[in-house]
Amino acid sequence: MNFGNRQKLRHGSASAAIIVLVLAGVILLNAAVTALFSGKLWFLDMTSEGMYSLTPETTSMLQSSFDEVNAARRQAGEEDVKVEIIFCADPDMLRANELMRYIYYTALDLQDTFPNTVEVRTTNVWSNPSSVDAYRTNSYSSIYQTNVIVASGSEFRITDIRTYYTYNSDQDTEPWAYNGEKKFVQSIIAVTRAEAPVCGITVNHGEPFATEEGRAQYETFLGVLNNAGYDVVYLDLEKDEIPEDCRLILTFDPQTDFATAFGNEGGVSEIAKLDAFLEQAYSFMVFVDADTPVLPHLEEFLEEWGIAFDRYTDPEDANSILGNYQIVSEVALDSAGLSVIGDYEPEALGGSITENMREMGGSPNVVFGNAMSISYSKTYQESFVLADEENGTGAYSYGYYYRNNRNRSIYDVFRSGEQSQAYAVNNGVLLTDENGEPLVVDTRGNYKLMTLTRESRTIGEGQGYTNVNDASYVCAIGSTDFVSNEILGSNSYGNTDVLLSTLRAIGREVIPVGLDFKPLYEPEMTASSSSTGEVYYTTTGNVVWTVVMVLLPALGFTIAGTVVLVRRKFNS
């Protein structure tokens, strides 16, 4: 081989080696940068509100809580508390979604701040659904990619993306403020201190939960309440005081009325106790069906919350109740049409309850057996909201009441659909017409099967902004079969998920105070001044860092290329 060929071979080998080294360097650099960004180690929070960074108040509050819990655990000979924050989607998906990115980076900051206590991990519930089996209420409940699980030991809370933000109204799809730190602090304190809120189930009105046999009949329902984070206690409202940590009172299939002060001298008014309970921004849930007897006191109270049970009255005397509406639908599980499959309400507060189910779960069938329908009470005005194509919201109606500083609104959650009608039933017996045929008393369709009423209270939340989430809720469900063991214990129906979503929406745990919301502004990095002259966004730092990050690699490659060209020119 002559000298020229040897020189070409040497140069070619050197070039190939350089190419291999450059490619290897690029791959290693890409992997290193990815790791730095993934771990939030190389990250600049240039938002003036510090969207991606913990506030000192959050750090201080959690540190104090961890110190207190660990002191008690050490005294009991136990290990220090550990907290897991589990995201149900891959990191790439979390970073790509702006709303999930705020939550994810807040969690990573919690992990960086408390490395010995908080661990963040991710899983993909679509490709690996069994990875979150330990956090399902039962084997058929669903966990979605937009859920965040906060767990410590056997305690856990499942939260949804929407709970980390504040919206102007329930139908809004764009939030105006981020309250992720407050939500994380609330969830972490709840699971580490293991002080679950109490759900008080009434038992002195002939409810099935008054007996062990009745509790066994609805043991799956009780399990859902427990796994939703509630400690269940049984209340005789005439004799028992409502526990201080009670956040939800539940009345299921009552057969006798609630007591009032009127005509009950020296006795306790259960209605007054229930009213005072809801004044504290807590919640009440009531289940009835087509066989529920008339309960004048309870129904009068519920009418104040916009809820009226549909009763069949004498055509000639509206004050004479002859029976109840029993809803029959062509869209049902059984041939008689009594196991009605409900239609989802996709908008407003009712729509927010089932949003995950509809968008990710394929809207599973939700069943209302032996259902009595619900109407808005006459004291409420009904309002219609038109569809807004620009914001992607559909038309819906709701009832509202504003009087004596009371601001209440009632929303549909499920209806029976157009192909349904109401028969009259009295004590489980169908009423008949003069021809002996079942008496059809209404054919309008779209009967309300589940409603949710909210009383909003406006409270200050720092920075001059207000929030209206300090609310009381009353949920009415017109079917007791809705939570039967058979229905909740089957993967064919969505009743478990509806129940869980509702309990999470109306549930109230200790809410940390002193943690401000972080208002969201236009994502464009433009200067914007408030009326006080405060600049929310400034472009100077952003522009400088953008120029540096863009030009630095290009400048480096240009210098390296120039050096190589010059050396080759003088060595040739």
Protein backbone atom coordinates (compact mmCIF):
# COMPACT_ATOMS: atom_id res chain seq x y z
CA MET A 1 0.00 0.00 0.00
CA ASN A 2 1.53 3.35 -0.99
CA PHE A 3 1.91 6.36 1.30
CA GLY A 4 -1.09 8.22 -0.18
CA ASN A 5 -3.45 5.35 0.44
CA ARG A 6 -2.15 4.95 4.00
CA GLN A 7 -2.71 8.67 4.65
CA LYS A 8 -6.28 8.49 3.25
CA LEU A 9 -7.00 5.46 5.40
CA ARG A 10 -5.63 7.22 8.47
CA HIS A 11 -7.69 10.34 7.78
CA GLY A 12 -10.79 8.25 7.03
CA SER A 13 -10.40 6.30 10.25
CA ALA A 14 -9.96 9.52 12.20
CA SER A 15 -13.07 11.00 10.56
CA ALA A 16 -15.10 7.90 11.38
CA ALA A 17 -13.88 7.98 14.95
CA ILE A 18 -14.77 11.66 15.25
CA ILE A 19 -18.26 10.97 13.86
CA VAL A 20 -18.77 8.13 16.34
CA LEU A 21 -17.54 10.28 19.21
CA VAL A 22 -19.76 13.21 18.17
CA LEU A 23 -22.83 10.96 17.89
CA ALA A 24 -22.06 9.34 21.23
CA GLY A 25 -21.57 12.78 22.76
CA VAL A 26 -24.88 14.03 21.36
CA ILE A 27 -26.70 10.97 22.71
CA LEU A 28 -25.09 11.32 26.14
CA LEU A 29 -25.78 15.05 26.20
CA ASN A 30 -29.41 14.46 25.24
CA ALA A 31 -29.76 11.82 27.95
CA ALA A 32 -28.14 14.10 30.53
CA VAL A 33 -30.33 17.08 29.66
CA THR A 34 -33.44 14.87 29.66
CA ALA A 35 -32.53 13.56 33.11
CA LEU A 36 -31.94 17.06 34.41
CA PHE A 37 -35.28 18.32 33.11
CA SER A 38 -37.14 15.17 34.14
CA GLY A 39 -35.87 15.47 37.67
CA LYS A 40 -36.49 19.21 37.75
CA LEU A 41 -32.81 19.71 38.58
CA TRP A 42 -32.20 22.10 35.71
CA PHE A 43 -35.18 24.35 35.78
CA LEU A 44 -35.83 28.09 35.82
CA ASP A 45 -39.11 29.35 37.26
CA MET A 46 -39.45 32.72 35.51
CA THR A 47 -43.12 33.27 36.40
CA SER A 48 -43.59 36.18 38.75
CA GLU A 49 -46.05 34.15 40.83
CA GLY A 50 -43.62 31.24 41.21
CA MET A 51 -46.03 28.75 39.67
CA TYR A 52 -43.47 25.96 39.71
CA SER A 53 -41.97 26.68 43.12
CA LEU A 54 -43.13 26.06 46.68
CA THR A 55 -43.88 29.07 48.83
CA PRO A 56 -42.21 29.39 52.26
CA GLU A 57 -45.67 29.08 53.85
CA THR A 58 -46.19 25.64 52.30
CA THR A 59 -42.73 24.44 53.34
CA SER A 60 -43.19 25.70 56.89
CA MET A 61 -46.68 24.20 57.27
CA LEU A 62 -45.63 20.76 56.03
CA GLN A 63 -42.39 20.76 58.04
CA SER A 64 -44.34 21.49 61.22
CA SER A 65 -46.86 18.76 60.40
CA PHE A 66 -44.14 16.19 59.62
CA ASP A 67 -42.25 17.09 62.81
CA GLU A 68 -45.38 16.64 64.91
CA VAL A 69 -46.34 13.34 63.28
CA ASN A 70 -42.79 11.94 63.44
CA ALA A 71 -42.46 12.86 67.12
CA ALA A 72 -45.59 10.84 67.91
CA ARG A 73 -44.45 7.93 65.73
CA ARG A 74 -40.99 7.81 67.32
CA GLN A 75 -42.54 7.81 70.77
CA ALA A 76 -44.60 4.81 69.68
CA GLY A 77 -41.47 3.09 68.30
CA GLU A 78 -42.53 3.53 64.66
CA GLU A 79 -40.54 4.74 61.67
CA ASP A 80 -40.85 8.28 60.36
CA VAL A 81 -43.79 8.99 58.10
CA LYS A 82 -43.44 8.47 54.33
CA VAL A 83 -45.65 9.98 51.64
CA GLU A 84 -46.07 8.84 48.04
CA ILE A 85 -47.43 11.10 45.32
CA ILE A 86 -48.44 8.94 42.38
CA PHE A 87 -49.27 10.34 38.95
CA CYS A 88 -51.26 8.06 36.68
CA ALA A 89 -49.66 9.04 33.36
CA ASP A 90 -46.15 9.00 31.91
CA PRO A 91 -43.86 12.00 32.63
CA ASP A 92 -43.87 13.07 28.98
CA MET A 93 -47.65 13.31 29.03
CA LEU A 94 -47.62 15.21 32.32
CA ARG A 95 -45.15 17.77 31.01
CA ALA A 96 -47.01 18.16 27.71
CA ASN A 97 -50.29 19.09 29.43
CA GLU A 98 -50.02 22.61 30.88
CA LEU A 99 -52.44 22.00 33.75
CA MET A 100 -50.84 18.68 34.72
CA ARG A 101 -47.36 20.19 34.40
CA TYR A 102 -48.02 22.70 37.21
CA ILE A 103 -49.19 19.88 39.48
CA TYR A 104 -46.32 17.55 38.52
CA TYR A 105 -43.62 20.17 39.12
CA THR A 106 -45.17 21.17 42.43
CA ALA A 107 -44.97 17.51 43.48
CA LEU A 108 -41.35 17.29 42.34
CA ASP A 109 -40.57 20.40 44.37
CA LEU A 110 -42.17 18.74 47.39
CA GLN A 111 -39.91 15.75 46.80
CA ASP A 112 -36.81 17.99 46.53
CA THR A 113 -37.77 19.90 49.68
CA PHE A 114 -38.59 16.80 51.74
CA PRO A 115 -36.39 14.07 50.17
CA ASN A 116 -36.62 11.79 53.20
CA THR A 117 -40.40 12.01 53.40
CA VAL A 118 -41.97 12.59 49.97
CA GLU A 119 -41.49 10.37 46.93
CA VAL A 120 -43.00 11.11 43.50
CA ARG A 121 -43.55 8.30 41.06
CA THR A 122 -45.47 7.84 37.84
CA THR A 123 -47.35 4.97 36.26
CA ASN A 124 -49.53 4.57 33.20
CA VAL A 125 -52.96 3.35 34.23
CA TRP A 126 -53.94 2.55 30.65
CA SER A 127 -51.03 0.23 29.87
CA ASN A 128 -50.62 -1.00 33.46
CA PRO A 129 -53.97 -0.70 35.28
CA SER A 130 -52.97 -3.16 37.99
CA SER A 131 -50.27 -0.74 39.21
CA VAL A 132 -52.93 1.21 41.13
CA ASP A 133 -55.08 -1.69 42.29
CA ALA A 134 -54.15 -0.96 45.90
CA TYR A 135 -55.91 2.41 45.61
CA ARG A 136 -59.19 1.29 44.09
CA THR A 137 -62.29 1.42 46.25
CA ASN A 138 -63.20 -1.98 44.86
CA SER A 139 -62.00 -4.04 41.95
CA TYR A 140 -64.39 -2.25 39.60
CA SER A 141 -63.76 1.39 40.44
CA SER A 142 -61.79 3.39 37.90
CA ILE A 143 -58.67 5.50 38.23
CA TYR A 144 -57.91 7.83 35.34
CA GLN A 145 -54.79 9.45 33.91
CA THR A 146 -55.87 12.80 35.32
CA ASN A 147 -55.99 11.45 38.88
CA VAL A 148 -53.26 12.09 41.43
CA ILE A 149 -52.92 9.71 44.37
CA VAL A 150 -51.46 10.88 47.68
CA ALA A 151 -50.74 7.92 49.96
CA SER A 152 -49.10 7.15 53.29
CA GLY A 153 -49.27 3.63 54.65
CA SER A 154 -52.84 2.37 54.31
CA GLU A 155 -54.27 5.89 53.99
CA PHE A 156 -54.73 7.48 50.58
CA ARG A 157 -56.65 10.19 48.78
CA ILE A 158 -57.42 10.21 45.06
CA THR A 159 -57.69 13.69 43.61
CA ASP A 160 -58.55 14.99 40.16
CA ILE A 161 -56.84 17.64 38.06
CA ARG A 162 -59.74 20.06 38.45
CA THR A 163 -59.43 20.18 42.24
CA TYR A 164 -55.99 21.80 41.91
CA TYR A 165 -57.44 24.86 40.20
CA THR A 166 -60.06 27.53 40.83
CA TYR A 167 -62.70 28.31 38.23
CA ASN A 168 -65.08 31.24 37.93
CA SER A 169 -67.97 28.83 37.39
CA ASP A 170 -68.60 25.12 37.05
CA GLN A 171 -69.02 25.29 33.29
CA ASP A 172 -65.70 27.06 32.76
CA THR A 173 -63.02 24.93 31.17
CA GLU A 174 -60.19 27.42 31.80
CA PRO A 175 -59.17 28.08 35.43
CA TRP A 176 -58.21 31.52 36.69
CA ALA A 177 -55.97 30.44 39.58
CA TYR A 178 -53.77 27.55 40.68
CA ASN A 179 -54.18 26.21 44.21
CA GLY A 180 -52.03 23.10 43.91
CA GLU A 181 -49.95 23.76 47.03
CA LYS A 182 -53.07 24.04 49.19
CA LYS A 183 -54.51 20.83 47.73
CA PHE A 184 -51.27 18.90 48.28
CA VAL A 185 -50.94 20.17 51.86
CA GLN A 186 -54.57 19.22 52.55
CA SER A 187 -54.12 15.71 51.13
CA ILE A 188 -50.75 15.10 52.80
CA ILE A 189 -52.00 16.18 56.22
CA ALA A 190 -55.10 14.00 55.76
CA VAL A 191 -53.13 10.81 54.96
CA THR A 192 -50.30 11.32 57.45
CA ARG A 193 -52.42 12.21 60.43
CA ALA A 194 -55.03 9.60 59.48
CA GLU A 195 -57.82 11.76 60.84
CA ALA A 196 -60.53 10.85 58.37
CA PRO A 197 -63.70 12.95 58.22
CA VAL A 198 -66.82 11.31 59.60
CA CYS A 199 -69.92 10.36 57.62
CA GLY A 200 -72.91 10.14 59.95
CA ILE A 201 -75.67 7.80 58.71
CA THR A 202 -79.07 8.39 60.30
CA VAL A 203 -80.75 5.33 61.81
CA ASN A 204 -83.82 6.56 63.70
CA HIS A 205 -86.26 6.84 60.78
CA GLY A 206 -86.62 3.19 59.83
CA GLU A 207 -83.47 3.19 57.67
CA PRO A 208 -81.97 -0.22 56.86
CA PHE A 209 -78.66 0.75 58.50
CA ALA A 210 -80.35 0.60 61.90
CA THR A 211 -79.84 -3.21 61.90
CA GLU A 212 -76.91 -5.52 61.22
CA GLU A 213 -79.01 -7.29 58.60
CA GLY A 214 -79.59 -4.02 56.77
CA ARG A 215 -75.92 -3.08 56.92
CA ALA A 216 -75.00 -6.43 55.41
CA GLN A 217 -77.47 -5.73 52.62
CA TYR A 218 -75.45 -2.62 51.71
CA GLU A 219 -71.96 -3.63 52.86
CA THR A 220 -70.43 -2.68 49.50
CA PHE A 221 -71.86 0.82 49.86
CA LEU A 222 -70.34 1.11 53.34
CA GLY A 223 -67.03 -0.06 51.88
CA VAL A 224 -67.14 2.68 49.26
CA LEU A 225 -67.73 5.28 52.00
CA ASN A 226 -64.78 3.94 54.00
CA ASN A 227 -62.45 3.84 51.04
CA ALA A 228 -63.52 7.30 49.96
CA GLY A 229 -61.87 8.51 53.17
CA TYR A 230 -64.81 8.56 55.62
CA ASP A 231 -65.16 6.98 59.01
CA VAL A 232 -68.79 5.84 59.23
CA VAL A 233 -70.80 6.36 62.41
CA TYR A 234 -74.53 5.77 62.98
CA LEU A 235 -76.57 8.70 64.27
CA ASP A 236 -79.86 8.96 66.10
CA LEU A 237 -80.32 12.66 65.46
CA GLU A 238 -82.84 13.01 68.28
CA LYS A 239 -80.46 11.58 70.88
CA ASP A 240 -76.93 11.90 69.54
CA GLU A 241 -74.80 14.98 69.03
CA ILE A 242 -73.24 15.31 65.60
CA PRO A 243 -69.48 14.60 65.95
CA GLU A 244 -67.22 17.62 65.57
CA ASP A 245 -65.30 15.97 62.74
CA CYS A 246 -68.47 15.00 60.85
CA ARG A 247 -68.46 16.42 57.33
CA LEU A 248 -71.31 14.46 55.72
CA ILE A 249 -74.71 13.30 56.99
CA LEU A 250 -76.41 10.61 54.94
CA THR A 251 -80.06 9.54 55.11
CA PHE A 252 -80.90 6.36 53.23
CA ASP A 253 -84.44 5.18 52.51
CA PRO A 254 -86.18 6.88 55.49
CA GLN A 255 -89.59 5.49 56.45
CA THR A 256 -90.57 8.03 59.12
CA ASP A 257 -90.27 11.79 59.21
CA PHE A 258 -87.66 14.00 60.88
CA ALA A 259 -88.67 15.68 64.12
CA THR A 260 -89.14 19.45 64.38
CA ALA A 261 -89.60 21.78 67.34
CA PHE A 262 -93.21 22.38 66.33
CA GLY A 263 -95.47 20.00 68.24
CA ASN A 264 -92.45 18.45 69.94
CA GLU A 265 -92.23 20.36 73.22
CA GLY A 266 -89.06 19.60 75.09
CA GLY A 267 -87.86 17.46 72.20
CA VAL A 268 -85.01 17.93 69.78
CA SER A 269 -85.54 19.36 66.31
CA GLU A 270 -83.62 17.17 63.89
CA ILE A 271 -84.33 19.66 61.11
CA ALA A 272 -82.74 22.46 63.15
CA LYS A 273 -79.66 20.30 63.82
CA LEU A 274 -79.38 19.44 60.13
CA ASP A 275 -79.77 23.09 59.16
CA ALA A 276 -77.06 24.18 61.62
CA PHE A 277 -74.78 21.42 60.30
CA LEU A 278 -75.09 22.68 56.72
CA GLU A 279 -74.39 26.24 57.88
CA GLN A 280 -70.82 25.05 58.51
CA ALA A 281 -70.22 24.38 54.80
CA TYR A 282 -70.73 20.62 55.16
CA SER A 283 -72.90 18.23 53.14
CA PHE A 284 -76.06 16.13 53.23
CA MET A 285 -76.95 13.21 50.98
CA VAL A 286 -80.40 11.60 50.80
CA PHE A 287 -81.56 8.45 48.97
CA VAL A 288 -85.24 7.76 48.27
CA ASP A 289 -87.19 5.61 45.81
CA ALA A 290 -90.67 5.06 44.41
CA ASP A 291 -91.80 3.45 47.69
CA THR A 292 -90.66 6.25 50.02
CA PRO A 293 -93.58 7.52 52.12
CA VAL A 294 -94.46 11.20 52.37
CA LEU A 295 -92.12 12.92 54.83
CA PRO A 296 -93.54 16.44 55.32
CA HIS A 297 -90.82 17.90 57.57
CA LEU A 298 -87.85 16.50 55.66
CA GLU A 299 -89.38 17.38 52.31
CA GLU A 300 -90.11 20.93 53.41
CA PHE A 301 -86.48 21.27 54.44
CA LEU A 302 -85.25 19.81 51.14
CA GLU A 303 -87.46 22.20 49.17
CA GLU A 304 -85.37 25.00 50.65
CA TRP A 305 -82.47 23.34 48.84
CA GLY A 306 -84.41 23.14 45.56
CA ILE A 307 -85.36 19.46 45.87
CA ALA A 308 -88.96 18.27 45.45
CA PHE A 309 -89.89 14.58 45.20
CA ASP A 310 -92.41 13.92 42.44
CA ARG A 311 -95.66 12.72 43.99
CA TYR A 312 -98.93 11.92 42.16
CA THR A 313 -101.73 14.10 43.49
CA ASP A 314 -105.49 13.94 43.09
CA PRO A 315 -106.36 15.80 39.86
CA GLU A 316 -109.16 17.54 41.77
CA ASP A 317 -107.21 18.23 44.96
CA ALA A 318 -103.53 19.10 44.62
CA ASN A 319 -103.04 18.70 48.36
CA SER A 320 -104.10 15.05 48.28
CA ILE A 321 -101.15 12.77 47.46
CA LEU A 322 -102.27 9.47 45.96
CA GLY A 323 -98.88 7.93 45.20
CA ASN A 324 -95.35 8.43 43.92
CA TYR A 325 -93.90 8.74 40.46
CA GLN A 326 -92.20 5.54 39.39
CA ILE A 327 -90.01 6.04 36.33
CA VAL A 328 -90.21 3.50 33.53
CA SER A 329 -87.89 3.74 30.54
CA GLU A 330 -87.32 1.97 27.27
CA VAL A 331 -83.60 2.29 28.04
CA ALA A 332 -83.34 -0.08 31.00
CA LEU A 333 -81.69 -3.31 32.10
CA ASP A 334 -84.96 -5.20 32.55
CA SER A 335 -87.92 -5.81 30.28
CA ALA A 336 -90.27 -3.94 32.66
CA GLY A 337 -88.18 -0.78 32.25
CA LEU A 338 -87.74 -0.26 35.99
CA SER A 339 -83.91 -0.51 36.13
CA VAL A 340 -83.46 2.78 34.33
CA ILE A 341 -80.14 3.57 32.66
CA GLY A 342 -79.54 7.25 33.35
CA ASP A 343 -78.45 9.92 30.89
CA TYR A 344 -75.38 11.89 31.89
CA GLU A 345 -75.61 15.66 32.34
CA PRO A 346 -72.47 16.85 30.51
CA GLU A 347 -72.46 20.49 31.64
CA ALA A 348 -72.06 22.68 34.74
CA LEU A 349 -71.69 21.21 38.24
CA GLY A 350 -73.40 17.93 37.33
CA GLY A 351 -71.08 17.50 34.37
CA SER A 352 -67.99 18.10 36.48
CA ILE A 353 -68.94 15.11 38.66
CA THR A 354 -68.77 12.68 35.74
CA GLU A 355 -66.21 14.44 33.54
CA ASN A 356 -63.54 11.75 33.88
CA MET A 357 -66.04 8.96 33.33
CA ARG A 358 -67.35 10.51 30.15
CA GLU A 359 -64.01 11.53 28.67
CA MET A 360 -61.94 8.49 29.61
CA GLY A 361 -64.26 5.76 30.81
CA GLY A 362 -66.62 5.64 27.85
CA SER A 363 -69.71 6.69 29.87
CA PRO A 364 -70.51 3.33 31.52
CA ASN A 365 -74.15 2.58 32.30
CA VAL A 366 -75.38 4.12 35.54
CA VAL A 367 -78.48 2.34 36.86
CA PHE A 368 -81.39 3.72 38.89
CA GLY A 369 -83.76 0.93 39.96
CA ASN A 370 -87.31 1.58 41.23
CA ALA A 371 -86.64 5.28 40.80
CA MET A 372 -88.75 8.21 41.92
CA SER A 373 -88.02 11.38 40.01
CA ILE A 374 -87.04 14.76 41.42
CA SER A 375 -88.13 18.26 40.39
CA TYR A 376 -86.85 21.71 41.24
CA SER A 377 -88.91 23.15 44.07
CA LYS A 378 -91.33 25.98 43.32
CA THR A 379 -89.28 28.48 45.32
CA TYR A 380 -86.46 28.18 42.78
CA GLN A 381 -86.26 30.00 39.47
CA GLU A 382 -85.24 27.89 36.50
CA SER A 383 -82.62 29.37 34.21
CA PHE A 384 -81.46 28.24 30.79
CA VAL A 385 -77.90 28.69 29.57
CA LEU A 386 -77.32 28.62 25.82
CA ALA A 387 -74.53 26.67 24.17
CA ASP A 388 -71.24 28.51 23.72
CA GLU A 389 -69.38 27.12 20.73
CA GLU A 390 -66.38 29.37 21.32
CA ASN A 391 -65.79 27.92 24.80
CA GLY A 392 -66.99 24.45 23.85
CA THR A 393 -69.89 24.28 26.32
CA GLY A 394 -73.37 22.98 25.63
CA ALA A 395 -76.78 24.23 26.69
CA TYR A 396 -78.16 23.33 30.10
CA SER A 397 -80.68 24.42 32.69
CA TYR A 398 -80.46 24.81 36.44
CA GLY A 399 -82.49 26.20 39.32
CA TYR A 400 -81.37 29.07 41.52
CA TYR A 401 -82.45 30.80 44.70
CA TYR A 402 -81.19 34.08 46.06
CA ARG A 403 -82.92 35.52 49.07
CA ASN A 404 -81.93 36.65 52.57
CA ASN A 405 -78.24 36.37 51.61
CA ARG A 406 -78.77 32.76 50.51
CA ASN A 407 -77.21 31.90 47.17
CA ARG A 408 -78.18 28.36 46.18
CA SER A 409 -78.20 26.58 42.83
CA ILE A 410 -79.43 23.09 41.93
CA TYR A 411 -78.06 21.11 38.98
CA ASP A 412 -78.96 17.85 37.27
CA VAL A 413 -76.44 15.02 37.41
CA PHE A 414 -78.52 12.25 35.76
CA ARG A 415 -81.87 12.13 33.98
CA SER A 416 -83.98 9.29 32.63
CA GLY A 417 -83.89 10.22 28.95
CA GLU A 418 -86.65 11.12 26.52
CA GLN A 419 -88.00 7.57 26.18
CA SER A 420 -89.38 7.40 29.70
CA GLN A 421 -92.65 8.04 31.50
CA ALA A 422 -94.00 8.04 35.04
CA TYR A 423 -96.46 5.56 36.53
CA ALA A 424 -98.24 6.07 39.85
CA VAL A 425 -97.30 3.75 42.71
CA ASN A 426 -98.71 3.56 46.22
CA ASN A 427 -96.95 1.34 48.77
CA GLY A 428 -95.38 -0.69 45.98
CA VAL A 429 -98.69 -1.21 44.14
CA LEU A 430 -99.27 0.26 40.69
CA LEU A 431 -102.36 2.43 40.49
CA THR A 432 -104.68 1.62 37.57
CA ASP A 433 -107.12 3.58 35.44
CA GLU A 434 -110.80 2.76 34.84
CA ASN A 435 -109.76 0.04 32.39
CA GLY A 436 -107.47 -1.66 34.86
CA GLU A 437 -104.36 -0.50 33.02
CA PRO A 438 -101.34 0.93 34.91
CA LEU A 439 -101.93 4.62 35.45
CA VAL A 440 -99.51 6.75 33.44
CA VAL A 441 -99.35 10.14 35.15
CA ASP A 442 -96.62 11.87 33.13
CA THR A 443 -95.01 11.41 29.71
CA ARG A 444 -92.59 14.35 29.52
CA GLY A 445 -89.47 12.21 29.81
CA ASN A 446 -86.06 13.47 30.95
CA TYR A 447 -86.96 13.04 34.62
CA LYS A 448 -84.32 14.07 37.12
CA LEU A 449 -82.87 11.04 38.87
CA MET A 450 -79.95 12.67 40.67
CA THR A 451 -79.44 16.33 41.59
CA LEU A 452 -76.80 18.33 43.43
CA THR A 453 -77.48 21.63 45.20
CA ARG A 454 -74.77 24.01 46.26
CA GLU A 455 -74.92 27.00 48.55
CA SER A 456 -71.98 29.21 47.64
CA ARG A 457 -70.17 31.41 50.10
CA THR A 458 -67.65 34.00 48.96
CA ILE A 459 -64.50 34.13 51.06
CA GLY A 460 -61.27 36.11 50.71
CA GLU A 461 -58.22 34.14 49.65
CA GLY A 462 -55.33 36.59 49.69
CA GLN A 463 -53.92 38.86 46.99
CA GLY A 464 -57.24 40.67 46.76
CA TYR A 465 -58.89 37.73 45.01
CA THR A 466 -61.97 35.85 46.12
CA ASN A 467 -62.94 32.22 46.02
CA VAL A 468 -66.38 30.60 46.27
CA ASN A 469 -65.43 27.03 47.14
CA ASP A 470 -66.44 27.26 50.80
CA ALA A 471 -69.81 25.72 49.98
CA SER A 472 -72.48 23.44 51.40
CA TYR A 473 -73.93 20.64 49.28
CA VAL A 474 -77.11 18.61 49.30
CA CYS A 475 -77.25 15.62 46.97
CA ALA A 476 -80.54 13.81 46.25
CA ILE A 477 -80.67 10.41 44.52
CA GLY A 478 -84.09 9.01 43.59
CA SER A 479 -83.11 5.34 43.85
CA THR A 480 -81.97 3.17 46.74
CA ASP A 481 -81.08 0.36 44.32
CA PHE A 482 -78.40 2.75 43.05
CA VAL A 483 -76.05 1.46 45.79
CA SER A 484 -77.15 -2.15 46.08
CA ASN A 485 -74.43 -4.79 46.54
CA GLU A 486 -75.26 -6.19 43.13
CA ILE A 487 -74.85 -2.85 41.32
CA LEU A 488 -71.78 -1.55 43.16
CA GLY A 489 -70.13 -4.96 43.02
CA SER A 490 -70.27 -5.27 39.24
CA ASN A 491 -67.86 -3.94 36.61
CA SER A 492 -70.78 -3.53 34.21
CA TYR A 493 -72.02 -0.30 35.75
CA GLY A 494 -70.62 3.12 36.59
CA ASN A 495 -72.50 3.61 39.88
CA THR A 496 -69.36 3.16 41.99
CA ASP A 497 -67.46 5.83 40.05
CA VAL A 498 -70.40 8.25 40.24
CA LEU A 499 -70.65 7.74 43.99
CA LEU A 500 -66.90 8.23 44.47
CA SER A 501 -66.81 11.34 42.31
CA THR A 502 -69.73 12.83 44.21
CA LEU A 503 -68.22 12.07 47.60
CA ARG A 504 -64.94 13.67 46.54
CA ALA A 505 -66.73 16.73 45.19
CA ILE A 506 -68.77 17.36 48.34
CA GLY A 507 -66.29 15.96 50.85
CA ARG A 508 -64.64 18.33 53.28
CA GLU A 509 -61.43 17.75 55.19
CA VAL A 510 -59.31 20.19 57.15
CA ILE A 511 -58.42 23.00 54.76
CA PRO A 512 -55.08 24.72 55.41
CA VAL A 513 -55.33 28.48 55.79
CA GLY A 514 -52.72 31.04 54.86
CA LEU A 515 -51.81 29.46 51.52
CA ASP A 516 -52.65 31.84 48.69
CA PHE A 517 -53.88 31.00 45.25
CA LYS A 518 -51.58 31.74 42.34
CA PRO A 519 -53.49 33.62 39.63
CA LEU A 520 -53.04 32.45 36.06
CA TYR A 521 -52.41 34.97 33.32
CA GLU A 522 -51.97 34.90 29.58
CA PRO A 523 -49.24 32.38 28.71
CA GLU A 524 -47.53 34.86 26.37
CA MET A 525 -44.47 36.41 28.00
CA THR A 526 -45.59 40.01 27.71
CA ALA A 527 -45.48 42.86 30.17
CA SER A 528 -48.76 43.53 31.89
CA SER A 529 -49.32 45.99 34.71
CA SER A 530 -52.09 45.97 37.27
CA SER A 531 -53.92 49.05 38.46
CA THR A 532 -51.35 49.33 41.25
CA GLY A 533 -48.48 49.29 38.80
CA GLU A 534 -47.36 45.76 39.64
CA VAL A 535 -45.86 43.99 36.65
CA TYR A 536 -47.08 40.42 36.41
CA TYR A 537 -44.75 39.38 33.60
CA THR A 538 -41.50 40.97 32.47
CA THR A 539 -39.76 39.93 29.28
CA THR A 540 -36.19 40.96 30.09
CA GLY A 541 -35.08 37.83 31.89
CA ASN A 542 -37.00 35.56 29.51
CA VAL A 543 -35.44 37.13 26.41
CA VAL A 544 -31.91 36.98 27.84
CA TRP A 545 -32.21 33.32 28.79
CA THR A 546 -33.86 32.42 25.49
CA VAL A 547 -31.05 34.10 23.51
CA VAL A 548 -28.38 32.42 25.64
CA MET A 549 -29.93 28.94 25.37
CA VAL A 550 -30.43 29.24 21.61
CA LEU A 551 -27.11 30.85 20.66
CA LEU A 552 -24.77 29.02 23.06
CA PRO A 553 -24.92 25.59 21.32
CA ALA A 554 -24.73 27.20 17.87
CA LEU A 555 -21.75 29.30 18.94
CA GLY A 556 -19.99 26.27 20.37
CA PHE A 557 -20.42 24.24 17.18
CA THR A 558 -19.31 27.23 15.06
CA ILE A 559 -16.10 27.65 17.06
CA ALA A 560 -15.39 23.90 16.98
CA GLY A 561 -16.00 23.78 13.21
CA THR A 562 -13.76 26.77 12.59
CA VAL A 563 -10.93 25.22 14.60
CA VAL A 564 -11.21 21.94 12.68
CA LEU A 565 -11.25 23.71 9.30
CA VAL A 566 -8.24 25.87 10.16
CA ARG A 567 -6.23 22.91 11.48
CA ARG A 568 -7.02 20.81 8.43
CA LYS A 569 -6.07 23.66 6.09
CA PHE A 570 -2.64 24.16 7.67
CA ASN A 571 -1.98 20.42 8.08
CA SER A 572 -2.81 19.53 4.49
